[in-house]
N, C-alpha and C. Protein backbone atom coordinates (compact mmCIF):
# COMPACT_ATOMS: atom_id res chain seq x y z
N MET A 1 27.54 11.68 14.91
CA MET A 1 26.59 12.13 15.27
C MET A 1 25.34 11.07 15.61
N GLN A 2 24.99 11.62 16.56
CA GLN A 2 23.90 10.55 17.02
C GLN A 2 22.57 11.44 17.56
N ALA A 3 21.37 10.92 17.10
CA ALA A 3 20.21 11.92 17.59
C ALA A 3 19.15 10.83 17.62
N SER A 4 17.97 11.05 18.33
CA SER A 4 16.79 10.22 18.49
C SER A 4 15.64 10.98 18.01
N VAL A 5 14.46 10.46 17.86
CA VAL A 5 13.27 11.31 17.77
C VAL A 5 12.82 12.06 18.46
N GLY A 6 12.57 13.14 18.27
CA GLY A 6 12.04 14.36 19.14
C GLY A 6 13.37 15.20 19.50
N ASP A 7 15.00 14.92 18.97
CA ASP A 7 15.68 15.99 19.13
C ASP A 7 15.87 17.21 17.96
N GLU A 8 16.52 18.02 18.34
CA GLU A 8 16.44 19.18 17.22
C GLU A 8 17.75 19.25 17.03
N LEU A 9 17.79 19.69 15.49
CA LEU A 9 19.33 19.73 14.69
C LEU A 9 19.25 21.58 14.64
N LEU A 10 20.30 21.98 14.87
CA LEU A 10 20.71 23.29 14.73
C LEU A 10 21.48 23.60 13.50
N VAL A 11 21.08 23.78 12.78
CA VAL A 11 21.85 24.11 11.35
C VAL A 11 22.60 25.57 11.15
N HIS A 12 23.71 25.74 11.46
CA HIS A 12 24.48 26.89 11.31
C HIS A 12 24.32 27.77 9.98
N GLY A 13 24.18 29.08 9.72
CA GLY A 13 24.45 29.28 8.33
C GLY A 13 25.70 29.31 7.75
N ARG A 14 25.70 29.35 6.59
CA ARG A 14 27.31 28.72 6.14
C ARG A 14 27.86 30.06 5.53
N THR A 15 26.99 30.93 5.17
CA THR A 15 27.62 32.34 4.30
C THR A 15 27.10 33.59 4.97
N VAL A 16 27.42 34.59 5.14
CA VAL A 16 27.09 36.14 5.66
C VAL A 16 25.75 36.34 5.02
N GLY A 17 24.77 36.36 5.96
CA GLY A 17 23.46 36.80 5.90
C GLY A 17 22.60 35.43 5.89
N GLN A 18 23.16 34.29 6.04
CA GLN A 18 22.31 33.12 5.67
C GLN A 18 22.09 32.95 7.51
N HIS A 19 20.61 32.64 7.75
CA HIS A 19 20.30 32.38 9.34
C HIS A 19 20.50 31.08 9.43
N ASP A 20 20.68 31.14 10.90
CA ASP A 20 20.58 29.29 11.45
C ASP A 20 19.08 29.07 11.31
N ARG A 21 19.10 27.68 11.35
CA ARG A 21 17.63 26.94 11.36
C ARG A 21 17.72 25.62 11.89
N THR A 22 16.12 25.53 12.60
CA THR A 22 16.03 24.41 13.46
C THR A 22 15.38 23.27 12.60
N ALA A 23 15.55 22.27 13.25
CA ALA A 23 14.76 21.10 12.63
C ALA A 23 14.68 20.29 13.68
N GLN A 24 13.50 19.34 13.79
CA GLN A 24 12.87 18.46 14.55
C GLN A 24 13.13 17.04 13.90
N VAL A 25 13.65 16.33 14.54
CA VAL A 25 14.07 15.17 13.87
C VAL A 25 12.62 14.24 14.28
N LEU A 26 12.26 13.75 12.88
CA LEU A 26 10.93 12.73 13.08
C LEU A 26 11.16 11.17 12.88
N GLU A 27 12.49 10.74 12.30
CA GLU A 27 12.80 9.66 12.06
C GLU A 27 14.26 9.39 11.92
N VAL A 28 14.77 8.34 12.65
CA VAL A 28 16.47 8.09 12.29
C VAL A 28 16.07 6.96 11.44
N LYS A 29 17.05 7.32 10.33
CA LYS A 29 17.12 5.99 9.21
C LYS A 29 18.35 5.25 9.60
N GLY A 30 19.33 5.56 10.32
CA GLY A 30 20.81 5.08 10.42
C GLY A 30 20.71 3.99 11.72
N GLU A 31 21.67 3.50 11.72
CA GLU A 31 21.99 2.54 12.92
C GLU A 31 22.02 3.39 14.14
N ASN A 32 21.55 2.92 15.34
CA ASN A 32 22.41 3.30 16.44
C ASN A 32 22.15 4.95 16.62
N GLY A 33 21.13 5.43 15.93
CA GLY A 33 21.08 7.28 15.94
C GLY A 33 21.78 8.16 15.19
N ALA A 34 22.47 7.03 14.24
CA ALA A 34 23.32 7.77 13.16
C ALA A 34 22.56 8.29 11.72
N PRO A 35 22.83 9.49 11.21
CA PRO A 35 22.36 9.68 9.91
C PRO A 35 21.88 8.70 9.02
N PRO A 36 21.03 8.96 8.24
CA PRO A 36 20.15 10.11 7.82
C PRO A 36 19.19 10.00 8.65
N TYR A 37 18.70 11.52 8.73
CA TYR A 37 17.55 11.64 9.70
C TYR A 37 16.27 12.38 8.72
N LYS A 38 14.99 12.08 9.00
CA LYS A 38 14.07 12.40 8.37
C LYS A 38 13.53 14.02 8.99
N VAL A 39 13.82 15.04 8.95
CA VAL A 39 13.44 16.29 9.83
C VAL A 39 12.34 17.15 9.27
N LYS A 40 11.76 17.96 10.43
CA LYS A 40 10.90 19.00 9.56
C LYS A 40 11.59 20.21 10.21
N PHE A 41 11.68 21.29 9.60
CA PHE A 41 12.29 22.61 9.51
C PHE A 41 11.12 23.30 10.27
N ASP A 42 11.43 24.01 11.65
CA ASP A 42 10.76 24.92 12.03
C ASP A 42 10.23 25.93 11.70
N ASP A 43 11.04 26.66 10.55
CA ASP A 43 10.63 27.87 10.02
C ASP A 43 9.40 27.67 8.85
N ASP A 44 9.90 26.64 8.15
CA ASP A 44 8.76 26.72 6.95
C ASP A 44 7.95 25.28 6.94
N GLY A 45 8.22 24.32 7.91
CA GLY A 45 7.45 23.27 7.88
C GLY A 45 7.96 22.11 6.64
N HIS A 46 9.03 22.53 5.98
CA HIS A 46 9.29 21.67 5.11
C HIS A 46 10.33 20.52 5.62
N GLU A 47 9.77 19.21 4.99
CA GLU A 47 10.07 17.96 5.56
C GLU A 47 11.57 17.56 4.67
N ALA A 48 12.72 17.03 5.06
CA ALA A 48 13.56 16.40 3.96
C ALA A 48 14.49 15.49 4.83
N LEU A 49 14.97 14.66 4.07
CA LEU A 49 16.27 13.79 4.40
C LEU A 49 17.32 14.41 4.44
N MET A 50 17.94 14.20 5.89
CA MET A 50 19.18 14.89 6.01
C MET A 50 20.41 14.16 6.59
N SER A 51 21.35 14.52 6.11
CA SER A 51 22.72 13.69 6.68
C SER A 51 23.61 15.00 7.04
N PRO A 52 23.37 15.58 8.48
CA PRO A 52 23.90 16.85 8.61
C PRO A 52 25.61 16.72 8.65
N GLY A 53 26.20 17.97 8.42
CA GLY A 53 27.56 18.12 8.11
C GLY A 53 27.98 18.67 9.25
N PRO A 54 29.30 19.43 9.41
CA PRO A 54 30.08 19.98 10.71
C PRO A 54 29.26 21.07 11.14
N ASP A 55 28.47 21.54 10.57
CA ASP A 55 27.65 22.91 10.81
C ASP A 55 26.77 22.49 11.32
N THR A 56 26.15 21.64 11.98
CA THR A 56 25.13 21.11 12.75
C THR A 56 25.28 20.69 14.14
N VAL A 57 24.48 20.87 14.75
CA VAL A 57 24.66 20.65 16.23
C VAL A 57 23.14 20.13 16.90
N VAL A 58 23.39 18.84 17.65
CA VAL A 58 22.30 18.05 17.83
C VAL A 58 21.78 18.76 19.48
N ARG A 59 20.71 19.23 19.46
CA ARG A 59 20.25 19.44 20.72
C ARG A 59 19.05 18.15 21.18
N HIS A 60 19.74 17.48 22.26
CA HIS A 60 18.72 16.24 22.59
C HIS A 60 17.48 16.88 23.34
N HIS A 61 16.41 15.88 23.12
CA HIS A 61 15.32 16.16 23.61
C HIS A 61 15.49 16.64 25.02
N GLY A 62 14.97 17.54 25.96
CA GLY A 62 15.07 17.72 27.17
C GLY A 62 16.14 18.59 27.58
N GLU A 63 17.09 19.03 26.85
CA GLU A 63 18.37 19.88 27.21
C GLU A 63 17.97 21.08 27.10
N ARG A 64 18.50 21.99 28.03
CA ARG A 64 18.36 23.31 27.97
C ARG A 64 18.69 24.02 27.07
N ARG A 65 18.37 25.17 26.33
CA ARG A 65 18.45 25.85 25.37
C ARG A 65 19.30 27.01 25.92
């Protein structure tokens, strides 16, 4: 997985009833766009250090939704 500052991560819910979440990439801590990423979640403003798993999709800055 590779991301840049300004990209959006879409984290799919893992269990029934758990909604998808989106987070903005604030900082890339890994080399060449690799995780971990410092992110800010859109739904509650929480900031976290994240190493996304297979349930996460990168929406690169400027991509259509």
